[in-house]
Amino acid sequence: MMDSRSRYITSPEDAEHFAAARMREMGFPDARVTRRGADGGIDVVARRAVAQVKWMHSKVGRPDLQRLYGARGTEHSIAMLFFAELISPSPYTPHAVEYANEHEIGLFAYTTDGTLFPQNRHARDFAAGIDRVRAARAAKQARLKAAHTLVWAALLICSICGLLVSALVDMSAIRLWIVFTVLSLLGLALARIYRPMVD
């Protein structure tokens, strides 16, 4: 939940200016309301984001989100946000939520007193500051990849060392030779499974 610190929303224009102000807080500093009648399905625009705003609207369905997706155009790096008044437990239909999750559209619900409620994961990311969230996720993926590479290297080195030792073991110590060989082959198999993938 985000407190907007805004006056009451009593008109479509209020709702649009409310959405633009919230987007500026989320990291889109140039967010502004579009000119009436010239938005082509977009009510708020920024260099890196577009949004549509519904006021006193029945449940938002998949077609509403499809119009926003189409209005964005082919520049897929531009974020999409949708704001709908909270006039029921959820202002979005299940199909709309599914479509939004598939196309990374942030769904928000707002009340007339200016309180904002993220309705899906993408909206929560925007509310937290999308750039910071994405940077944190990228750092986490980098740490996991480094750990993965370390495990793979350790398995490979240990397996090669095991094979070298088994080659030097006196064949009379057959049990020791079998143990080293089996463990080494197992290590090689695991190293193959855990080998780092090339991006």
N, C-alpha and C. Protein backbone atom coordinates (compact mmCIF):
# COMPACT_ATOMS: atom_id res chain seq x y z
N MET A 1 0.85 -1.19 0.00
CA MET A 1 0.00 0.00 0.00
C MET A 1 0.88 1.24 0.00
N MET A 2 0.56 2.21 -0.84
CA MET A 2 1.30 3.46 -0.91
C MET A 2 0.38 4.62 -0.56
N ASP A 3 0.78 5.45 0.40
CA ASP A 3 0.03 6.64 0.75
C ASP A 3 0.42 7.75 -0.22
N SER A 4 -0.53 8.29 -0.91
CA SER A 4 -0.23 9.26 -1.97
C SER A 4 -0.01 10.67 -1.45
N ARG A 5 -0.49 10.98 -0.24
CA ARG A 5 -0.42 12.33 0.29
C ARG A 5 -1.07 13.31 -0.70
N SER A 6 -2.21 12.92 -1.27
CA SER A 6 -2.88 13.72 -2.29
C SER A 6 -4.28 14.10 -1.82
N ARG A 7 -4.88 15.07 -2.49
CA ARG A 7 -6.26 15.43 -2.20
C ARG A 7 -7.19 14.36 -2.75
N TYR A 8 -8.46 14.47 -2.41
CA TYR A 8 -9.41 13.47 -2.86
C TYR A 8 -9.54 13.46 -4.38
N ILE A 9 -9.76 12.27 -4.92
CA ILE A 9 -9.89 12.10 -6.37
C ILE A 9 -11.37 12.13 -6.70
N THR A 10 -11.81 13.15 -7.43
CA THR A 10 -13.24 13.33 -7.69
C THR A 10 -13.57 13.44 -9.18
N SER A 11 -12.57 13.22 -10.04
CA SER A 11 -12.81 13.33 -11.49
C SER A 11 -11.76 12.53 -12.24
N PRO A 12 -12.01 12.26 -13.52
CA PRO A 12 -10.99 11.57 -14.32
C PRO A 12 -9.67 12.34 -14.37
N GLU A 13 -9.77 13.67 -14.43
CA GLU A 13 -8.55 14.48 -14.46
C GLU A 13 -7.76 14.33 -13.17
N ASP A 14 -8.48 14.32 -12.03
CA ASP A 14 -7.81 14.10 -10.75
C ASP A 14 -7.07 12.76 -10.76
N ALA A 15 -7.75 11.72 -11.28
CA ALA A 15 -7.16 10.38 -11.30
C ALA A 15 -5.89 10.36 -12.15
N GLU A 16 -5.92 11.03 -13.28
CA GLU A 16 -4.75 11.04 -14.16
C GLU A 16 -3.58 11.78 -13.53
N HIS A 17 -3.86 12.92 -12.91
CA HIS A 17 -2.78 13.66 -12.26
C HIS A 17 -2.24 12.90 -11.05
N PHE A 18 -3.12 12.19 -10.37
CA PHE A 18 -2.70 11.33 -9.26
C PHE A 18 -1.74 10.26 -9.76
N ALA A 19 -2.10 9.59 -10.87
CA ALA A 19 -1.25 8.54 -11.43
C ALA A 19 0.10 9.10 -11.87
N ALA A 20 0.08 10.28 -12.50
CA ALA A 20 1.34 10.88 -12.94
C ALA A 20 2.24 11.19 -11.75
N ALA A 21 1.65 11.70 -10.66
CA ALA A 21 2.45 12.00 -9.47
C ALA A 21 3.04 10.74 -8.85
N ARG A 22 2.26 9.67 -8.83
CA ARG A 22 2.77 8.41 -8.26
C ARG A 22 3.89 7.86 -9.14
N MET A 23 3.75 7.99 -10.46
CA MET A 23 4.80 7.50 -11.35
C MET A 23 6.10 8.28 -11.15
N ARG A 24 5.99 9.57 -10.90
CA ARG A 24 7.20 10.35 -10.63
C ARG A 24 7.89 9.85 -9.36
N GLU A 25 7.10 9.45 -8.37
CA GLU A 25 7.67 8.88 -7.15
C GLU A 25 8.34 7.54 -7.41
N MET A 26 7.85 6.81 -8.41
CA MET A 26 8.38 5.48 -8.70
C MET A 26 9.66 5.51 -9.53
N GLY A 27 10.07 6.68 -9.96
CA GLY A 27 11.31 6.75 -10.72
C GLY A 27 11.14 7.17 -12.16
N PHE A 28 9.96 7.72 -12.50
CA PHE A 28 9.72 8.26 -13.84
C PHE A 28 9.50 9.77 -13.69
N PRO A 29 10.58 10.54 -13.52
CA PRO A 29 10.47 11.95 -13.13
C PRO A 29 9.76 12.85 -14.14
N ASP A 30 9.69 12.42 -15.40
CA ASP A 30 9.07 13.26 -16.42
C ASP A 30 7.64 12.85 -16.73
N ALA A 31 7.03 12.02 -15.87
CA ALA A 31 5.66 11.56 -16.12
C ALA A 31 4.70 12.75 -16.13
N ARG A 32 3.85 12.79 -17.15
CA ARG A 32 2.89 13.89 -17.27
C ARG A 32 1.61 13.38 -17.93
N VAL A 33 0.52 14.07 -17.66
CA VAL A 33 -0.77 13.72 -18.25
C VAL A 33 -0.77 14.14 -19.71
N THR A 34 -1.30 13.28 -20.57
CA THR A 34 -1.36 13.60 -22.00
C THR A 34 -2.51 14.56 -22.26
N ARG A 35 -2.49 15.18 -23.43
CA ARG A 35 -3.58 16.09 -23.82
C ARG A 35 -4.85 15.29 -24.05
N ARG A 36 -5.98 15.81 -23.59
CA ARG A 36 -7.26 15.13 -23.72
C ARG A 36 -7.58 14.83 -25.18
N GLY A 37 -7.95 13.58 -25.44
CA GLY A 37 -8.37 13.19 -26.77
C GLY A 37 -7.24 12.85 -27.71
N ALA A 38 -6.00 13.05 -27.26
CA ALA A 38 -4.86 12.80 -28.15
C ALA A 38 -3.95 11.71 -27.61
N ASP A 39 -4.47 10.94 -26.67
CA ASP A 39 -3.60 9.97 -26.00
C ASP A 39 -3.52 8.64 -26.71
N GLY A 40 -4.51 8.30 -27.54
CA GLY A 40 -4.48 7.01 -28.23
C GLY A 40 -4.46 5.84 -27.28
N GLY A 41 -5.12 5.97 -26.13
CA GLY A 41 -5.14 4.89 -25.14
C GLY A 41 -4.15 5.09 -24.02
N ILE A 42 -3.39 6.17 -24.06
CA ILE A 42 -2.41 6.46 -23.02
C ILE A 42 -2.81 7.75 -22.31
N ASP A 43 -2.92 7.70 -20.99
CA ASP A 43 -3.32 8.87 -20.21
C ASP A 43 -2.14 9.58 -19.57
N VAL A 44 -1.09 8.83 -19.26
CA VAL A 44 0.12 9.40 -18.66
C VAL A 44 1.31 8.88 -19.46
N VAL A 45 2.23 9.78 -19.78
CA VAL A 45 3.38 9.38 -20.57
C VAL A 45 4.66 9.88 -19.92
N ALA A 46 5.71 9.10 -20.03
CA ALA A 46 7.05 9.47 -19.60
C ALA A 46 8.02 8.91 -20.63
N ARG A 47 9.26 9.31 -20.52
CA ARG A 47 10.25 8.81 -21.50
C ARG A 47 10.38 7.30 -21.42
N ARG A 48 10.25 6.74 -20.21
CA ARG A 48 10.46 5.30 -20.04
C ARG A 48 9.21 4.55 -19.61
N ALA A 49 8.04 5.18 -19.69
CA ALA A 49 6.82 4.51 -19.22
C ALA A 49 5.57 5.16 -19.81
N VAL A 50 4.52 4.35 -19.90
CA VAL A 50 3.20 4.85 -20.28
C VAL A 50 2.18 4.24 -19.32
N ALA A 51 1.05 4.93 -19.17
CA ALA A 51 0.03 4.42 -18.26
C ALA A 51 -1.36 4.78 -18.76
N GLN A 52 -2.30 3.93 -18.39
CA GLN A 52 -3.71 4.22 -18.63
C GLN A 52 -4.39 4.29 -17.27
N VAL A 53 -5.39 5.17 -17.16
CA VAL A 53 -6.05 5.42 -15.88
C VAL A 53 -7.56 5.29 -16.07
N LYS A 54 -8.21 4.52 -15.19
CA LYS A 54 -9.66 4.37 -15.22
C LYS A 54 -10.24 4.92 -13.92
N TRP A 55 -11.31 5.72 -14.06
CA TRP A 55 -11.98 6.30 -12.91
C TRP A 55 -13.46 5.92 -12.96
N MET A 56 -13.98 5.43 -11.83
CA MET A 56 -15.37 4.98 -11.74
C MET A 56 -15.71 4.04 -12.90
N HIS A 57 -14.86 3.05 -13.07
CA HIS A 57 -14.97 2.11 -14.19
C HIS A 57 -15.36 0.75 -13.64
N SER A 58 -16.12 -0.01 -14.44
CA SER A 58 -16.39 -1.39 -14.05
C SER A 58 -15.08 -2.17 -14.13
N LYS A 59 -15.12 -3.45 -13.83
CA LYS A 59 -13.88 -4.23 -13.81
C LYS A 59 -13.10 -4.07 -15.11
N VAL A 60 -11.79 -3.91 -14.95
CA VAL A 60 -10.90 -3.79 -16.11
C VAL A 60 -10.65 -5.19 -16.66
N GLY A 61 -10.88 -5.36 -17.95
CA GLY A 61 -10.70 -6.66 -18.58
C GLY A 61 -9.46 -6.72 -19.44
N ARG A 62 -9.22 -7.88 -19.98
CA ARG A 62 -8.06 -8.10 -20.85
C ARG A 62 -8.02 -7.11 -22.03
N PRO A 63 -9.17 -6.80 -22.69
CA PRO A 63 -9.12 -5.86 -23.82
C PRO A 63 -8.57 -4.49 -23.43
N ASP A 64 -8.86 -4.02 -22.21
CA ASP A 64 -8.32 -2.73 -21.77
C ASP A 64 -6.79 -2.75 -21.75
N LEU A 65 -6.24 -3.85 -21.25
CA LEU A 65 -4.78 -3.97 -21.18
C LEU A 65 -4.18 -4.16 -22.57
N GLN A 66 -4.90 -4.85 -23.43
CA GLN A 66 -4.41 -5.03 -24.80
C GLN A 66 -4.33 -3.69 -25.52
N ARG A 67 -5.27 -2.78 -25.23
CA ARG A 67 -5.21 -1.45 -25.85
C ARG A 67 -3.98 -0.69 -25.36
N LEU A 68 -3.67 -0.81 -24.07
CA LEU A 68 -2.47 -0.15 -23.56
C LEU A 68 -1.23 -0.74 -24.21
N TYR A 69 -1.18 -2.06 -24.32
CA TYR A 69 -0.03 -2.73 -24.94
C TYR A 69 0.14 -2.26 -26.39
N GLY A 70 -0.97 -2.17 -27.12
CA GLY A 70 -0.90 -1.72 -28.50
C GLY A 70 -0.50 -0.26 -28.62
N ALA A 71 -0.99 0.57 -27.69
CA ALA A 71 -0.67 2.00 -27.73
C ALA A 71 0.80 2.26 -27.44
N ARG A 72 1.43 1.37 -26.68
CA ARG A 72 2.84 1.56 -26.37
C ARG A 72 3.69 1.50 -27.63
N GLY A 73 3.30 0.67 -28.57
CA GLY A 73 4.07 0.53 -29.80
C GLY A 73 5.13 -0.55 -29.69
N THR A 74 6.15 -0.44 -30.52
CA THR A 74 7.16 -1.50 -30.63
C THR A 74 8.35 -1.30 -29.71
N GLU A 75 8.39 -0.20 -28.96
CA GLU A 75 9.51 0.06 -28.05
C GLU A 75 9.27 -0.69 -26.74
N HIS A 76 9.74 -1.94 -26.69
CA HIS A 76 9.41 -2.81 -25.57
C HIS A 76 10.16 -2.48 -24.29
N SER A 77 11.10 -1.55 -24.35
CA SER A 77 11.78 -1.15 -23.12
C SER A 77 10.95 -0.17 -22.30
N ILE A 78 9.87 0.34 -22.88
CA ILE A 78 8.99 1.28 -22.17
C ILE A 78 8.07 0.50 -21.23
N ALA A 79 8.07 0.87 -19.97
CA ALA A 79 7.25 0.19 -18.96
C ALA A 79 5.78 0.56 -19.14
N MET A 80 4.90 -0.35 -18.71
CA MET A 80 3.46 -0.12 -18.80
C MET A 80 2.83 -0.24 -17.42
N LEU A 81 1.98 0.74 -17.09
CA LEU A 81 1.28 0.74 -15.81
C LEU A 81 -0.20 1.01 -16.06
N PHE A 82 -1.04 0.42 -15.21
CA PHE A 82 -2.49 0.61 -15.34
C PHE A 82 -3.03 0.95 -13.96
N PHE A 83 -3.82 2.03 -13.89
CA PHE A 83 -4.41 2.48 -12.63
C PHE A 83 -5.94 2.39 -12.74
N ALA A 84 -6.57 1.71 -11.79
CA ALA A 84 -8.03 1.59 -11.79
C ALA A 84 -8.55 1.86 -10.38
N GLU A 85 -9.70 2.53 -10.31
CA GLU A 85 -10.28 2.84 -9.00
C GLU A 85 -10.73 1.56 -8.31
N LEU A 86 -10.48 1.49 -7.02
CA LEU A 86 -10.82 0.31 -6.23
C LEU A 86 -12.28 0.41 -5.81
N ILE A 87 -13.19 -0.08 -6.69
CA ILE A 87 -14.61 -0.04 -6.39
C ILE A 87 -15.15 -1.44 -6.09
N SER A 88 -14.28 -2.42 -6.04
CA SER A 88 -14.63 -3.80 -5.69
C SER A 88 -13.38 -4.43 -5.10
N PRO A 89 -13.48 -5.64 -4.52
CA PRO A 89 -12.28 -6.26 -3.95
C PRO A 89 -11.10 -6.30 -4.91
N SER A 90 -11.38 -6.47 -6.20
CA SER A 90 -10.32 -6.39 -7.21
C SER A 90 -10.90 -5.73 -8.45
N PRO A 91 -10.31 -4.63 -8.92
CA PRO A 91 -10.85 -3.96 -10.10
C PRO A 91 -10.46 -4.63 -11.41
N TYR A 92 -9.69 -5.72 -11.34
CA TYR A 92 -9.22 -6.40 -12.55
C TYR A 92 -9.79 -7.81 -12.63
N THR A 93 -10.20 -8.22 -13.83
CA THR A 93 -10.67 -9.59 -14.01
C THR A 93 -9.48 -10.55 -13.97
N PRO A 94 -9.72 -11.84 -13.67
CA PRO A 94 -8.62 -12.81 -13.68
C PRO A 94 -7.87 -12.85 -15.01
N HIS A 95 -8.59 -12.73 -16.13
CA HIS A 95 -7.93 -12.74 -17.44
C HIS A 95 -7.05 -11.51 -17.62
N ALA A 96 -7.49 -10.39 -17.07
CA ALA A 96 -6.68 -9.17 -17.15
C ALA A 96 -5.39 -9.33 -16.36
N VAL A 97 -5.49 -9.90 -15.17
CA VAL A 97 -4.30 -10.12 -14.33
C VAL A 97 -3.33 -11.06 -15.02
N GLU A 98 -3.87 -12.12 -15.61
CA GLU A 98 -3.03 -13.09 -16.32
C GLU A 98 -2.29 -12.41 -17.48
N TYR A 99 -3.01 -11.59 -18.24
CA TYR A 99 -2.40 -10.88 -19.37
C TYR A 99 -1.33 -9.90 -18.88
N ALA A 100 -1.63 -9.19 -17.80
CA ALA A 100 -0.67 -8.23 -17.25
C ALA A 100 0.60 -8.92 -16.78
N ASN A 101 0.45 -10.05 -16.12
CA ASN A 101 1.64 -10.78 -15.65
C ASN A 101 2.47 -11.28 -16.82
N GLU A 102 1.80 -11.69 -17.89
CA GLU A 102 2.49 -12.21 -19.07
C GLU A 102 3.26 -11.10 -19.79
N HIS A 103 2.72 -9.89 -19.79
CA HIS A 103 3.32 -8.78 -20.55
C HIS A 103 3.95 -7.72 -19.65
N GLU A 104 4.16 -8.05 -18.39
CA GLU A 104 4.86 -7.17 -17.45
C GLU A 104 4.21 -5.80 -17.31
N ILE A 105 2.89 -5.80 -17.17
CA ILE A 105 2.14 -4.57 -16.93
C ILE A 105 1.88 -4.44 -15.44
N GLY A 106 2.25 -3.32 -14.86
CA GLY A 106 1.99 -3.09 -13.43
C GLY A 106 0.55 -2.68 -13.22
N LEU A 107 -0.18 -3.46 -12.41
CA LEU A 107 -1.59 -3.17 -12.12
C LEU A 107 -1.71 -2.51 -10.75
N PHE A 108 -2.37 -1.35 -10.71
CA PHE A 108 -2.59 -0.64 -9.46
C PHE A 108 -4.07 -0.38 -9.26
N ALA A 109 -4.48 -0.39 -8.00
CA ALA A 109 -5.82 0.05 -7.62
C ALA A 109 -5.66 1.24 -6.69
N TYR A 110 -6.53 2.23 -6.83
CA TYR A 110 -6.44 3.40 -5.96
C TYR A 110 -7.82 3.72 -5.39
N THR A 111 -7.84 4.36 -4.24
CA THR A 111 -9.08 4.79 -3.62
C THR A 111 -9.23 6.29 -3.79
N THR A 112 -10.45 6.78 -3.57
CA THR A 112 -10.70 8.21 -3.78
C THR A 112 -9.95 9.08 -2.78
N ASP A 113 -9.47 8.50 -1.67
CA ASP A 113 -8.69 9.30 -0.73
C ASP A 113 -7.21 9.32 -1.11
N GLY A 114 -6.87 8.71 -2.25
CA GLY A 114 -5.50 8.79 -2.75
C GLY A 114 -4.55 7.77 -2.20
N THR A 115 -5.06 6.57 -1.89
CA THR A 115 -4.19 5.48 -1.45
C THR A 115 -4.03 4.49 -2.60
N LEU A 116 -2.81 4.05 -2.81
CA LEU A 116 -2.49 3.20 -3.96
C LEU A 116 -2.16 1.79 -3.49
N PHE A 117 -2.74 0.79 -4.18
CA PHE A 117 -2.52 -0.61 -3.83
C PHE A 117 -1.97 -1.36 -5.05
N PRO A 118 -0.72 -1.82 -5.02
CA PRO A 118 -0.22 -2.67 -6.10
C PRO A 118 -1.02 -3.97 -6.17
N GLN A 119 -1.35 -4.41 -7.38
CA GLN A 119 -2.19 -5.59 -7.56
C GLN A 119 -1.46 -6.80 -8.13
N ASN A 120 -0.22 -6.63 -8.56
CA ASN A 120 0.56 -7.77 -9.02
C ASN A 120 2.04 -7.51 -8.76
N ARG A 121 2.88 -8.50 -9.07
CA ARG A 121 4.32 -8.39 -8.76
C ARG A 121 4.97 -7.22 -9.48
N HIS A 122 4.58 -7.01 -10.74
CA HIS A 122 5.18 -5.91 -11.50
C HIS A 122 4.83 -4.57 -10.87
N ALA A 123 3.62 -4.44 -10.39
CA ALA A 123 3.24 -3.20 -9.71
C ALA A 123 4.04 -3.01 -8.43
N ARG A 124 4.26 -4.10 -7.70
CA ARG A 124 5.05 -3.99 -6.47
C ARG A 124 6.49 -3.59 -6.79
N ASP A 125 7.01 -4.09 -7.89
CA ASP A 125 8.35 -3.69 -8.32
C ASP A 125 8.40 -2.19 -8.62
N PHE A 126 7.40 -1.71 -9.36
CA PHE A 126 7.36 -0.28 -9.67
C PHE A 126 7.25 0.54 -8.39
N ALA A 127 6.39 0.09 -7.49
CA ALA A 127 6.19 0.83 -6.24
C ALA A 127 7.48 0.90 -5.42
N ALA A 128 8.29 -0.13 -5.50
CA ALA A 128 9.55 -0.17 -4.75
C ALA A 128 10.66 0.60 -5.45
N GLY A 129 10.42 0.96 -6.70
CA GLY A 129 11.48 1.62 -7.48
C GLY A 129 12.08 0.59 -8.41
N ILE A 130 11.57 0.53 -9.63
CA ILE A 130 11.88 -0.57 -10.53
C ILE A 130 13.36 -0.71 -10.83
N ASP A 131 14.07 0.39 -10.96
CA ASP A 131 15.50 0.30 -11.27
C ASP A 131 16.26 -0.36 -10.13
N ARG A 132 15.91 0.01 -8.89
CA ARG A 132 16.59 -0.58 -7.73
C ARG A 132 16.29 -2.07 -7.63
N VAL A 133 15.05 -2.43 -7.89
CA VAL A 133 14.65 -3.84 -7.82
C VAL A 133 15.38 -4.65 -8.87
N ARG A 134 15.42 -4.14 -10.10
CA ARG A 134 16.08 -4.88 -11.18
C ARG A 134 17.58 -5.00 -10.94
N ALA A 135 18.18 -3.94 -10.39
CA ALA A 135 19.61 -4.00 -10.08
C ALA A 135 19.88 -5.05 -9.01
N ALA A 136 19.01 -5.13 -8.01
CA ALA A 136 19.18 -6.13 -6.95
C ALA A 136 19.04 -7.54 -7.51
N ARG A 137 18.08 -7.74 -8.40
CA ARG A 137 17.88 -9.07 -9.00
C ARG A 137 19.07 -9.45 -9.88
N ALA A 138 19.60 -8.48 -10.62
CA ALA A 138 20.76 -8.76 -11.46
C ALA A 138 21.96 -9.13 -10.62
N ALA A 139 22.14 -8.43 -9.48
CA ALA A 139 23.26 -8.74 -8.59
C ALA A 139 23.10 -10.14 -8.00
N LYS A 140 21.87 -10.50 -7.66
CA LYS A 140 21.62 -11.84 -7.11
C LYS A 140 21.93 -12.91 -8.15
N GLN A 141 21.50 -12.68 -9.39
CA GLN A 141 21.79 -13.64 -10.46
C GLN A 141 23.29 -13.78 -10.69
N ALA A 142 24.01 -12.67 -10.59
CA ALA A 142 25.46 -12.72 -10.77
C ALA A 142 26.12 -13.53 -9.67
N ARG A 143 25.63 -13.36 -8.43
CA ARG A 143 26.19 -14.15 -7.31
C ARG A 143 25.90 -15.63 -7.49
N LEU A 144 24.69 -15.96 -7.92
CA LEU A 144 24.34 -17.36 -8.15
C LEU A 144 25.18 -17.97 -9.26
N LYS A 145 25.42 -17.18 -10.31
CA LYS A 145 26.23 -17.68 -11.43
C LYS A 145 27.66 -17.92 -10.98
N ALA A 146 28.19 -17.01 -10.14
CA ALA A 146 29.56 -17.17 -9.64
C ALA A 146 29.67 -18.42 -8.77
N ALA A 147 28.66 -18.64 -7.91
CA ALA A 147 28.67 -19.83 -7.06
C ALA A 147 28.56 -21.10 -7.90
N HIS A 148 27.73 -21.04 -8.92
CA HIS A 148 27.56 -22.17 -9.84
C HIS A 148 28.89 -22.52 -10.50
N THR A 149 29.58 -21.50 -10.99
CA THR A 149 30.87 -21.71 -11.65
C THR A 149 31.90 -22.28 -10.68
N LEU A 150 31.87 -21.81 -9.44
CA LEU A 150 32.81 -22.31 -8.43
C LEU A 150 32.57 -23.79 -8.13
N VAL A 151 31.30 -24.17 -7.99
CA VAL A 151 30.96 -25.58 -7.74
C VAL A 151 31.41 -26.44 -8.91
N TRP A 152 31.15 -25.96 -10.13
CA TRP A 152 31.54 -26.72 -11.32
C TRP A 152 33.06 -26.90 -11.37
N ALA A 153 33.81 -25.83 -11.11
CA ALA A 153 35.27 -25.91 -11.17
C ALA A 153 35.80 -26.87 -10.11
N ALA A 154 35.21 -26.82 -8.91
CA ALA A 154 35.66 -27.71 -7.83
C ALA A 154 35.40 -29.16 -8.19
N LEU A 155 34.22 -29.45 -8.74
CA LEU A 155 33.90 -30.82 -9.14
C LEU A 155 34.86 -31.31 -10.23
N LEU A 156 35.13 -30.46 -11.19
CA LEU A 156 35.99 -30.85 -12.30
C LEU A 156 37.42 -31.12 -11.81
N ILE A 157 37.94 -30.23 -10.99
CA ILE A 157 39.31 -30.39 -10.48
C ILE A 157 39.43 -31.64 -9.63
N CYS A 158 38.47 -31.83 -8.72
CA CYS A 158 38.51 -33.02 -7.85
C CYS A 158 38.40 -34.31 -8.66
N SER A 159 37.57 -34.29 -9.69
CA SER A 159 37.40 -35.48 -10.52
C SER A 159 38.68 -35.82 -11.28
N ILE A 160 39.32 -34.80 -11.85
CA ILE A 160 40.57 -35.04 -12.57
C ILE A 160 41.66 -35.55 -11.63
N CYS A 161 41.73 -34.94 -10.44
CA CYS A 161 42.71 -35.40 -9.45
C CYS A 161 42.43 -36.84 -9.04
N GLY A 162 41.14 -37.17 -8.89
CA GLY A 162 40.77 -38.53 -8.53
C GLY A 162 41.18 -39.53 -9.58
N LEU A 163 41.00 -39.17 -10.85
CA LEU A 163 41.40 -40.07 -11.93
C LEU A 163 42.92 -40.25 -11.96
N LEU A 164 43.65 -39.18 -11.71
CA LEU A 164 45.11 -39.28 -11.67
C LEU A 164 45.56 -40.19 -10.53
N VAL A 165 44.94 -40.04 -9.37
CA VAL A 165 45.29 -40.89 -8.22
C VAL A 165 44.95 -42.34 -8.51
N SER A 166 43.78 -42.58 -9.12
CA SER A 166 43.39 -43.97 -9.41
C SER A 166 44.34 -44.60 -10.42
N ALA A 167 44.91 -43.78 -11.31
CA ALA A 167 45.86 -44.31 -12.28
C ALA A 167 47.18 -44.70 -11.62
N LEU A 168 47.50 -44.04 -10.51
CA LEU A 168 48.76 -44.33 -9.81
C LEU A 168 48.62 -45.39 -8.73
N VAL A 169 47.38 -45.72 -8.38
CA VAL A 169 47.18 -46.71 -7.32
C VAL A 169 47.56 -48.10 -7.83
N ASP A 170 48.23 -48.83 -7.00
CA ASP A 170 48.62 -50.21 -7.32
C ASP A 170 47.37 -51.04 -7.55
N MET A 171 47.30 -51.74 -8.67
CA MET A 171 46.13 -52.54 -9.00
C MET A 171 45.84 -53.61 -7.98
N SER A 172 46.83 -53.92 -7.15
CA SER A 172 46.58 -54.92 -6.10
C SER A 172 45.59 -54.37 -5.07
N ALA A 173 45.57 -53.04 -4.94
CA ALA A 173 44.61 -52.42 -4.02
C ALA A 173 43.34 -52.11 -4.82
N ILE A 174 42.71 -53.16 -5.30
CA ILE A 174 41.60 -53.02 -6.24
C ILE A 174 40.43 -52.23 -5.67
N ARG A 175 40.17 -52.42 -4.36
CA ARG A 175 39.03 -51.70 -3.76
C ARG A 175 39.27 -50.19 -3.77
N LEU A 176 40.48 -49.79 -3.42
CA LEU A 176 40.82 -48.37 -3.42
C LEU A 176 40.73 -47.80 -4.82
N TRP A 177 41.20 -48.57 -5.79
CA TRP A 177 41.14 -48.13 -7.18
C TRP A 177 39.70 -47.94 -7.63
N ILE A 178 38.83 -48.88 -7.27
CA ILE A 178 37.40 -48.79 -7.65
C ILE A 178 36.76 -47.55 -7.02
N VAL A 179 37.07 -47.31 -5.74
CA VAL A 179 36.49 -46.15 -5.04
C VAL A 179 36.89 -44.85 -5.73
N PHE A 180 38.20 -44.70 -6.00
CA PHE A 180 38.67 -43.47 -6.65
C PHE A 180 38.06 -43.30 -8.04
N THR A 181 37.99 -44.41 -8.78
CA THR A 181 37.47 -44.33 -10.14
C THR A 181 35.99 -43.96 -10.15
N VAL A 182 35.20 -44.63 -9.30
CA VAL A 182 33.76 -44.35 -9.25
C VAL A 182 33.49 -42.91 -8.82
N LEU A 183 34.19 -42.46 -7.77
CA LEU A 183 34.00 -41.09 -7.29
C LEU A 183 34.41 -40.07 -8.35
N SER A 184 35.48 -40.37 -9.06
CA SER A 184 35.94 -39.45 -10.10
C SER A 184 34.96 -39.36 -11.25
N LEU A 185 34.45 -40.52 -11.68
CA LEU A 185 33.46 -40.52 -12.76
C LEU A 185 32.17 -39.82 -12.33
N LEU A 186 31.77 -40.03 -11.08
CA LEU A 186 30.59 -39.35 -10.55
C LEU A 186 30.81 -37.83 -10.54
N GLY A 187 32.01 -37.43 -10.14
CA GLY A 187 32.33 -36.00 -10.14
C GLY A 187 32.28 -35.41 -11.52
N LEU A 188 32.80 -36.14 -12.51
CA LEU A 188 32.76 -35.66 -13.89
C LEU A 188 31.32 -35.53 -14.39
N ALA A 189 30.49 -36.51 -14.02
CA ALA A 189 29.08 -36.44 -14.42
C ALA A 189 28.39 -35.22 -13.81
N LEU A 190 28.65 -34.98 -12.52
CA LEU A 190 28.07 -33.81 -11.87
C LEU A 190 28.62 -32.51 -12.46
N ALA A 191 29.90 -32.51 -12.81
CA ALA A 191 30.50 -31.32 -13.42
C ALA A 191 29.83 -31.02 -14.76
N ARG A 192 29.48 -32.08 -15.49
CA ARG A 192 28.80 -31.87 -16.77
C ARG A 192 27.41 -31.28 -16.55
N ILE A 193 26.71 -31.79 -15.52
CA ILE A 193 25.37 -31.29 -15.22
C ILE A 193 25.41 -29.83 -14.80
N TYR A 194 26.39 -29.49 -13.96
CA TYR A 194 26.48 -28.15 -13.39
C TYR A 194 27.38 -27.20 -14.18
N ARG A 195 27.78 -27.60 -15.39
CA ARG A 195 28.68 -26.73 -16.13
C ARG A 195 28.00 -25.39 -16.40
N PRO A 196 28.74 -24.30 -16.33
CA PRO A 196 28.15 -22.97 -16.57
C PRO A 196 27.63 -22.86 -17.99
N MET A 197 26.46 -22.26 -18.12
CA MET A 197 25.88 -22.06 -19.44
C MET A 197 26.43 -20.76 -20.04
N VAL A 198 26.67 -20.78 -21.32
CA VAL A 198 27.16 -19.59 -22.01
C VAL A 198 25.98 -18.69 -22.35
N ASP A 199 26.07 -17.39 -21.96
CA ASP A 199 24.97 -16.46 -22.23
C ASP A 199 24.85 -16.20 -23.73
